[in-house]
Amino acid sequence: MLSHNGTKVLAPVNGVATLTADQKYFQIKQDGSWSTSAEYRFQNYDFSSLLDAFDEGALASLDIRDLPLKDYFSRFKTSSSFRVVLSPFSRYQHLDFEEMILTSMKDAYVSFVSLLTSIFPKAEVTNFFEIPTLKFEHPNGIPEYFLHKQLQWGVLKAKKELRSDQILFLGAETIYHILRKLYYGEPFTKRHLAVFLVDRKGRMDLEPRQFFLTNGQSLAFIPANLDKRYKIASFDTVYEAIKPMDVTSLGYFNIYEHYSITLYEKLPAVRKEFSCIDCLECNQYCPTHANPFQLIKGKTEDFDKDKCINCGICTVYCPSGIDIRKRIEEVV
C-alpha cells in the first residue's frame, strides 16, 4: 500500500493512505472488511526467505519502536555469536499472548524456535516461555528491564547489549504476529485492541474486552456499543501522559500505535503539582533505582539516567502530583 520511513504498510481491503501535513505520520482509511480462517501449515525458511516473509507481511517489532522486523533481523549475521531472547511478555501487556501462543499456536511456536536455532547456529537462544513462576508486572514488558530482571544484568549493560546487536529480543506479541505470517500466511494487517472502562470514582472495570481489528478500521463501533456514560477516551496507559479525546472522535485503528484504549465516565482530573514532601516514594517505587528524587531537587547530575527505562512508575506514585516523567524527558 505504501512505504514510509522504512515501514511498509499493507492495505487490508480498499485502503486509502495519506500523510499528515507535517509529513511525519500516515493515516489510513478503510472501506470494507477482510477476514480469514487459515490453518497451520509448516514451511521451511532460510534466512533470505525469512526476511522476504517479514517484508511481504509488513511485520514490525512491537518491542523496539519504529523498527520493521526485516531491518531488525538484518542486523544479525547467521555466522555470528549473539543471544536470542524470547520473552513471554509484550511491551504493552494488554493481553496474555504467551497463553494464546501456547494454546492455539503451539505447533507454529515449536517450529519457529527450531527455525531460530537452524538459521543462527552460533546464537544462544534463551527462551522464557513456559515458566509458570514468571509473572507479569509492569515494567517487565520493557526489553531492557526484562533483561535486567531475568539475566541479572545491570540496566546499562542491557541497554548496551540491545544497542550493539548482541541481543535479538522478541516479545510475545511480536512472536504472535511472526507465527501468523510464517505458518498461517497472515500478513500484519490485524492487531488486538484491549478496551478498559473507568467509572466516575476512578475505578477500573477489569472485565476483559478485546477486539481483533483490521488496520484502518473505524473505531466508531466502540462508543456505539458501550454505555453512553463513557464520554472520554485515551489511547495512553496510566503510566503514560494521558491525552484525552472525545469518545466520538476516535478515528481509525492504527496497527502500529494502538494496542489499548481506556474510556472514562468523566475527564481524568489534571493533577495539580504541589511541593515535594521528601517522602522518597519515587525512589522507593523506581524499579531500577535511578534516583528520580534528585530531579525534583534540581540535582540532575545525581539522577542515574543510564538506569532509567521511562516506565512512568515514579510519576504515578508521586503523592504531590509532580510530573517526574517530564523532568526525565528533559535530561534523558
Protein backbone atom coordinates (compact mmCIF):
# COMPACT_ATOMS: atom_id res chain seq x y z
CA MET A 1 0.00 0.00 0.00
CA LEU A 2 2.78 2.42 0.99
CA SER A 3 6.25 2.59 2.45
CA HIS A 4 7.27 5.47 4.70
CA ASN A 5 10.50 5.87 6.70
CA GLY A 6 11.28 2.20 6.22
CA THR A 7 7.89 0.97 7.41
CA LYS A 8 5.78 -0.95 4.93
CA VAL A 9 2.01 -0.70 5.37
CA LEU A 10 -0.40 -3.15 3.77
CA ALA A 11 -3.96 -2.35 2.74
CA PRO A 12 -6.37 -4.94 4.18
CA VAL A 13 -9.04 -4.01 1.66
CA ASN A 14 -9.75 -0.85 -0.34
CA GLY A 15 -7.35 1.09 1.86
CA VAL A 16 -6.52 4.74 1.30
CA ALA A 17 -3.38 6.09 2.96
CA THR A 18 -2.33 9.71 3.26
CA LEU A 19 0.45 11.54 5.07
CA THR A 20 -0.30 14.17 7.67
CA ALA A 21 0.52 17.79 6.83
CA ASP A 22 3.86 17.63 8.67
CA GLN A 23 4.83 14.52 6.65
CA LYS A 24 5.70 12.66 9.87
CA TYR A 25 2.76 10.26 10.17
CA PHE A 26 0.44 8.37 7.89
CA GLN A 27 -3.27 7.85 8.37
CA ILE A 28 -5.28 5.04 6.86
CA LYS A 29 -8.93 4.97 5.97
CA GLN A 30 -10.51 1.64 5.11
CA ASP A 31 -13.66 0.81 3.24
CA GLY A 32 -14.77 -2.80 3.64
CA SER A 33 -13.74 -5.77 5.77
CA TRP A 34 -11.43 -8.75 5.50
CA SER A 35 -11.15 -11.98 7.44
CA THR A 36 -9.68 -15.42 7.06
CA SER A 37 -9.59 -18.72 8.89
CA ALA A 38 -6.20 -20.05 7.83
CA GLU A 39 -4.88 -23.28 9.35
CA TYR A 40 -1.35 -24.08 10.49
CA ARG A 41 0.94 -25.11 7.66
CA PHE A 42 4.58 -25.98 8.22
CA GLN A 43 7.00 -24.05 6.00
CA ASN A 44 10.77 -24.26 5.59
CA TYR A 45 12.69 -20.98 5.65
CA ASP A 46 16.28 -19.96 5.23
CA PHE A 47 17.49 -16.51 6.30
CA SER A 48 16.77 -14.90 2.93
CA SER A 49 13.24 -16.27 2.63
CA LEU A 50 12.56 -15.36 6.27
CA LEU A 51 13.46 -11.72 5.59
CA ASP A 52 11.31 -11.79 2.46
CA ALA A 53 8.37 -13.10 4.51
CA PHE A 54 8.82 -10.31 7.06
CA ASP A 55 8.88 -7.73 4.28
CA GLU A 56 5.93 -9.27 2.47
CA GLY A 57 3.90 -9.39 5.67
CA ALA A 58 4.85 -5.82 6.74
CA LEU A 59 5.91 -7.15 10.14
CA ALA A 60 7.35 -4.76 12.70
CA SER A 61 8.97 -5.19 16.08
CA LEU A 62 6.36 -4.42 18.73
CA ASP A 63 9.09 -4.36 21.39
CA ILE A 64 11.51 -1.85 19.85
CA ARG A 65 9.62 1.13 18.48
CA ASP A 66 9.57 2.14 14.82
CA LEU A 67 11.61 -0.80 13.59
CA PRO A 68 10.50 -3.05 10.70
CA LEU A 69 11.23 -6.68 11.54
CA LYS A 70 13.16 -7.24 8.32
CA ASP A 71 15.53 -4.40 9.24
CA TYR A 72 15.90 -5.73 12.79
CA PHE A 73 16.81 -9.28 11.76
CA SER A 74 19.13 -7.96 9.04
CA ARG A 75 21.39 -6.54 11.74
CA PHE A 76 22.39 -10.08 12.75
CA LYS A 77 24.60 -12.41 10.74
CA THR A 78 23.91 -16.12 10.54
CA SER A 79 27.57 -16.82 11.32
CA SER A 80 27.76 -14.54 14.39
CA SER A 81 27.53 -15.36 18.08
CA PHE A 82 24.87 -13.43 19.97
CA ARG A 83 21.87 -14.14 22.18
CA VAL A 84 18.25 -14.53 21.09
CA VAL A 85 15.80 -13.78 23.91
CA LEU A 86 12.18 -14.89 23.68
CA SER A 87 10.02 -13.09 26.24
CA PRO A 88 6.51 -14.24 27.25
CA PHE A 89 5.58 -10.60 27.79
CA SER A 90 4.88 -7.76 25.37
CA ARG A 91 5.89 -4.13 25.85
CA TYR A 92 2.24 -3.31 26.49
CA GLN A 93 0.83 -6.32 28.33
CA HIS A 94 -2.80 -5.78 27.33
CA LEU A 95 -3.34 -9.49 26.61
CA ASP A 96 -1.72 -12.77 27.62
CA PHE A 97 -0.02 -13.56 24.30
CA GLU A 98 2.00 -16.38 25.83
CA GLU A 99 -1.18 -18.28 26.64
CA MET A 100 -2.62 -17.55 23.19
CA ILE A 101 0.52 -18.89 21.53
CA LEU A 102 0.88 -22.00 23.67
CA THR A 103 -2.79 -22.99 23.48
CA SER A 104 -3.75 -22.32 19.87
CA MET A 105 -0.41 -21.93 18.04
CA LYS A 106 1.82 -24.49 19.78
CA ASP A 107 2.95 -26.27 16.60
CA ALA A 108 3.89 -22.96 14.98
CA TYR A 109 5.71 -21.87 18.13
CA VAL A 110 7.78 -25.06 18.25
CA SER A 111 8.59 -24.70 14.54
CA PHE A 112 9.73 -21.10 15.00
CA VAL A 113 12.04 -21.87 17.93
CA SER A 114 13.59 -24.64 15.85
CA LEU A 115 13.90 -22.22 12.91
CA LEU A 116 15.84 -19.71 15.00
CA THR A 117 18.37 -22.34 16.06
CA SER A 118 18.86 -23.50 12.48
CA ILE A 119 19.23 -20.01 10.98
CA PHE A 120 21.52 -18.75 13.76
CA PRO A 121 23.53 -21.88 14.70
CA LYS A 122 26.06 -19.93 16.79
CA ALA A 123 23.44 -17.94 18.69
CA GLU A 124 22.33 -18.79 22.20
CA VAL A 125 18.53 -18.99 22.27
CA THR A 126 17.22 -18.09 25.74
CA ASN A 127 13.53 -18.94 25.89
CA PHE A 128 11.46 -17.70 28.82
CA PHE A 129 8.19 -19.21 27.63
CA GLU A 130 6.54 -21.99 29.67
CA ILE A 131 7.99 -20.89 33.02
CA PRO A 132 4.98 -20.96 35.41
CA THR A 133 6.70 -18.86 38.08
CA LEU A 134 7.32 -15.98 35.67
CA LYS A 135 4.52 -13.48 36.22
CA PHE A 136 3.96 -10.12 34.57
CA GLU A 137 4.02 -6.85 36.40
CA HIS A 138 4.92 -3.50 34.91
CA PRO A 139 7.59 -2.82 33.63
CA ASN A 140 8.51 -6.44 32.79
CA GLY A 141 7.49 -5.88 29.17
CA ILE A 142 10.16 -3.24 28.53
CA PRO A 143 13.07 -5.12 26.88
CA GLU A 144 15.94 -3.60 28.86
CA TYR A 145 14.13 -4.15 32.15
CA PHE A 146 13.24 -7.74 31.27
CA LEU A 147 16.91 -8.47 30.55
CA HIS A 148 17.95 -6.71 33.75
CA LYS A 149 15.48 -8.72 35.79
CA GLN A 150 15.79 -12.16 34.22
CA LEU A 151 19.50 -12.24 33.35
CA GLN A 152 20.61 -10.31 36.45
CA TRP A 153 22.31 -7.68 34.32
CA GLY A 154 22.70 -4.03 35.13
CA VAL A 155 20.27 -1.83 33.20
CA LEU A 156 23.13 -0.08 31.42
CA LYS A 157 24.53 -3.40 30.22
CA ALA A 158 21.09 -4.45 28.98
CA LYS A 159 20.74 -1.21 27.03
CA LYS A 160 24.22 -1.59 25.52
CA GLU A 161 23.61 -5.21 24.52
CA LEU A 162 20.40 -4.19 22.74
CA ARG A 163 22.01 -1.22 21.01
CA SER A 164 25.10 -3.14 19.90
CA ASP A 165 23.03 -6.00 18.48
CA GLN A 166 24.30 -8.57 20.96
CA ILE A 167 20.67 -9.35 21.79
CA LEU A 168 17.87 -10.21 19.36
CA PHE A 169 14.84 -9.53 21.54
CA LEU A 170 11.40 -10.89 20.64
CA GLY A 171 8.42 -10.26 22.91
CA ALA A 172 5.26 -12.35 22.91
CA GLU A 173 3.08 -10.07 20.77
CA THR A 174 5.82 -9.77 18.15
CA ILE A 175 6.20 -13.56 18.12
CA TYR A 176 2.42 -13.97 17.83
CA HIS A 177 2.38 -12.00 14.58
CA ILE A 178 5.53 -13.71 13.28
CA LEU A 179 3.81 -17.07 13.71
CA ARG A 180 0.67 -15.81 11.97
CA LYS A 181 2.69 -14.79 8.94
CA LEU A 182 5.18 -17.67 8.71
CA TYR A 183 2.81 -20.57 9.38
CA TYR A 184 -0.69 -19.25 8.70
CA GLY A 185 0.01 -16.93 5.78
CA GLU A 186 -1.45 -13.91 7.62
CA PRO A 187 0.24 -10.54 7.00
CA PHE A 188 0.36 -7.87 9.68
CA THR A 189 -2.95 -6.20 8.93
CA LYS A 190 -4.75 -7.00 12.20
CA ARG A 191 -3.93 -6.39 15.85
CA HIS A 192 -5.68 -6.77 19.20
CA LEU A 193 -7.12 -3.69 20.85
CA ALA A 194 -7.93 -4.01 24.56
CA VAL A 195 -10.70 -1.80 25.98
CA PHE A 196 -10.80 -0.68 29.63
CA LEU A 197 -13.53 1.27 31.42
CA VAL A 198 -13.06 3.72 34.31
CA ASP A 199 -16.05 5.00 36.29
CA ARG A 200 -16.58 8.43 37.84
CA LYS A 201 -14.72 7.41 41.01
CA GLY A 202 -11.67 6.32 39.08
CA ARG A 203 -12.32 2.59 39.48
CA MET A 204 -11.32 0.42 36.52
CA ASP A 205 -13.61 -2.34 35.29
CA LEU A 206 -11.30 -5.34 34.90
CA GLU A 207 -13.67 -7.40 32.77
CA PRO A 208 -11.63 -8.38 29.68
CA ARG A 209 -12.71 -6.70 26.46
CA GLN A 210 -10.62 -7.04 23.34
CA PHE A 211 -11.15 -6.79 19.62
CA PHE A 212 -9.00 -8.16 16.81
CA LEU A 213 -9.19 -5.24 14.42
CA THR A 214 -8.09 -4.57 10.87
CA ASN A 215 -5.65 -1.77 10.17
CA GLY A 216 -7.53 1.40 9.24
CA GLN A 217 -10.84 0.16 10.66
CA SER A 218 -13.18 2.81 12.01
CA LEU A 219 -13.37 2.81 15.82
CA ALA A 220 -16.85 4.34 15.86
CA PHE A 221 -18.29 0.95 16.84
CA ILE A 222 -16.71 1.21 20.32
CA PRO A 223 -18.81 4.09 21.73
CA ALA A 224 -21.81 2.87 19.73
CA ASN A 225 -21.81 -0.44 21.59
CA LEU A 226 -20.89 0.69 25.10
CA ASP A 227 -22.69 2.58 27.85
CA LYS A 228 -23.18 6.23 26.89
CA ARG A 229 -21.78 7.29 30.26
CA TYR A 230 -18.27 6.87 28.89
CA LYS A 231 -17.61 10.14 27.11
CA ILE A 232 -13.81 10.48 27.28
CA ALA A 233 -11.18 8.20 25.76
CA SER A 234 -7.41 7.85 25.65
CA PHE A 235 -5.05 5.50 23.84
CA ASP A 236 -2.47 6.01 26.61
CA THR A 237 -1.97 3.81 29.68
CA VAL A 238 -1.86 5.04 33.27
CA TYR A 239 1.93 5.01 33.05
CA GLU A 240 1.96 7.50 30.18
CA ALA A 241 0.93 11.12 29.86
CA ILE A 242 -2.79 10.78 29.12
CA LYS A 243 -4.03 12.72 26.10
CA PRO A 244 -7.85 12.63 26.40
CA MET A 245 -10.25 12.94 23.48
CA ASP A 246 -13.98 12.88 22.92
CA VAL A 247 -15.15 9.28 22.60
CA THR A 248 -17.00 10.14 19.39
CA SER A 249 -13.77 11.19 17.65
CA LEU A 250 -11.63 8.06 17.93
CA GLY A 251 -10.92 7.96 14.22
CA TYR A 252 -9.35 4.87 12.68
CA PHE A 253 -7.33 2.00 14.07
CA ASN A 254 -3.56 2.42 13.60
CA ILE A 255 -1.96 -1.00 13.82
CA TYR A 256 1.48 0.39 14.69
CA GLU A 257 0.34 2.65 17.52
CA HIS A 258 -2.91 1.39 19.03
CA TYR A 259 -2.97 -1.55 21.43
CA SER A 260 -5.35 -0.45 24.19
CA ILE A 261 -7.93 2.23 24.82
CA THR A 262 -9.39 3.46 28.11
CA LEU A 263 -12.85 5.00 28.30
CA TYR A 264 -13.74 7.32 31.18
CA GLU A 265 -17.07 8.47 32.57
CA LYS A 266 -15.55 11.86 33.17
CA LEU A 267 -12.34 13.62 32.23
CA PRO A 268 -9.46 12.37 34.39
CA ALA A 269 -8.58 15.09 36.85
CA VAL A 270 -5.45 17.02 35.96
CA ARG A 271 -3.18 16.54 38.92
CA LYS A 272 -2.02 19.82 40.40
CA GLU A 273 1.62 19.82 41.34
CA PHE A 274 2.39 20.50 44.97
CA SER A 275 5.76 20.96 46.60
CA CYS A 276 7.84 17.85 47.17
CA ILE A 277 7.32 16.48 50.68
CA ASP A 278 10.55 14.47 50.70
CA CYS A 279 8.65 11.20 51.05
CA LEU A 280 11.06 9.47 48.62
CA GLU A 281 8.26 7.32 47.22
CA CYS A 282 9.55 7.98 43.71
CA ASN A 283 12.83 6.35 44.69
CA GLN A 284 11.10 3.60 46.61
CA TYR A 285 8.97 2.55 43.65
CA CYS A 286 11.63 3.07 40.95
CA PRO A 287 12.32 -0.49 39.73
CA THR A 288 15.88 0.30 38.61
CA HIS A 289 16.94 2.63 41.46
CA ALA A 290 17.66 5.51 39.08
CA ASN A 291 17.20 8.07 41.89
CA PRO A 292 14.45 10.24 40.31
CA PHE A 293 14.13 12.17 43.60
CA GLN A 294 17.20 14.17 42.62
CA LEU A 295 15.42 15.51 39.53
CA ILE A 296 12.77 17.08 41.75
CA LYS A 297 15.53 18.70 43.79
CA GLY A 298 17.20 20.04 40.66
CA LYS A 299 20.28 17.84 41.03
CA THR A 300 20.21 16.32 37.57
CA GLU A 301 23.81 15.12 37.88
CA ASP A 302 22.72 12.76 40.68
CA PHE A 303 19.94 11.19 38.60
CA ASP A 304 21.20 7.97 37.01
CA LYS A 305 19.74 8.35 33.53
CA ASP A 306 21.53 5.21 32.35
CA LYS A 307 19.34 3.19 34.71
CA CYS A 308 16.09 4.93 33.77
CA ILE A 309 13.77 2.97 31.46
CA ASN A 310 10.99 5.59 31.18
CA CYS A 311 8.44 3.27 32.78
CA GLY A 312 6.39 6.11 34.34
CA ILE A 313 6.10 4.49 37.77
CA CYS A 314 7.66 7.39 39.68
CA THR A 315 5.10 9.83 38.30
CA VAL A 316 2.15 7.54 39.07
CA TYR A 317 3.13 7.12 42.72
CA CYS A 318 4.17 10.71 43.49
CA PRO A 319 1.68 11.91 46.18
CA SER A 320 2.43 15.54 45.30
CA GLY A 321 1.39 15.08 41.68
CA ILE A 322 4.80 16.11 40.35
CA ASP A 323 5.28 15.23 36.68
CA ILE A 324 8.62 13.48 37.12
CA ARG A 325 8.15 11.95 33.66
CA LYS A 326 8.51 15.39 32.11
CA ARG A 327 11.69 16.06 34.05
CA ILE A 328 13.11 12.75 32.88
CA GLU A 329 12.37 13.61 29.24
CA GLU A 330 14.38 16.80 29.63
CA VAL A 331 17.58 15.00 30.66
CA VAL A 332 17.42 11.56 29.01
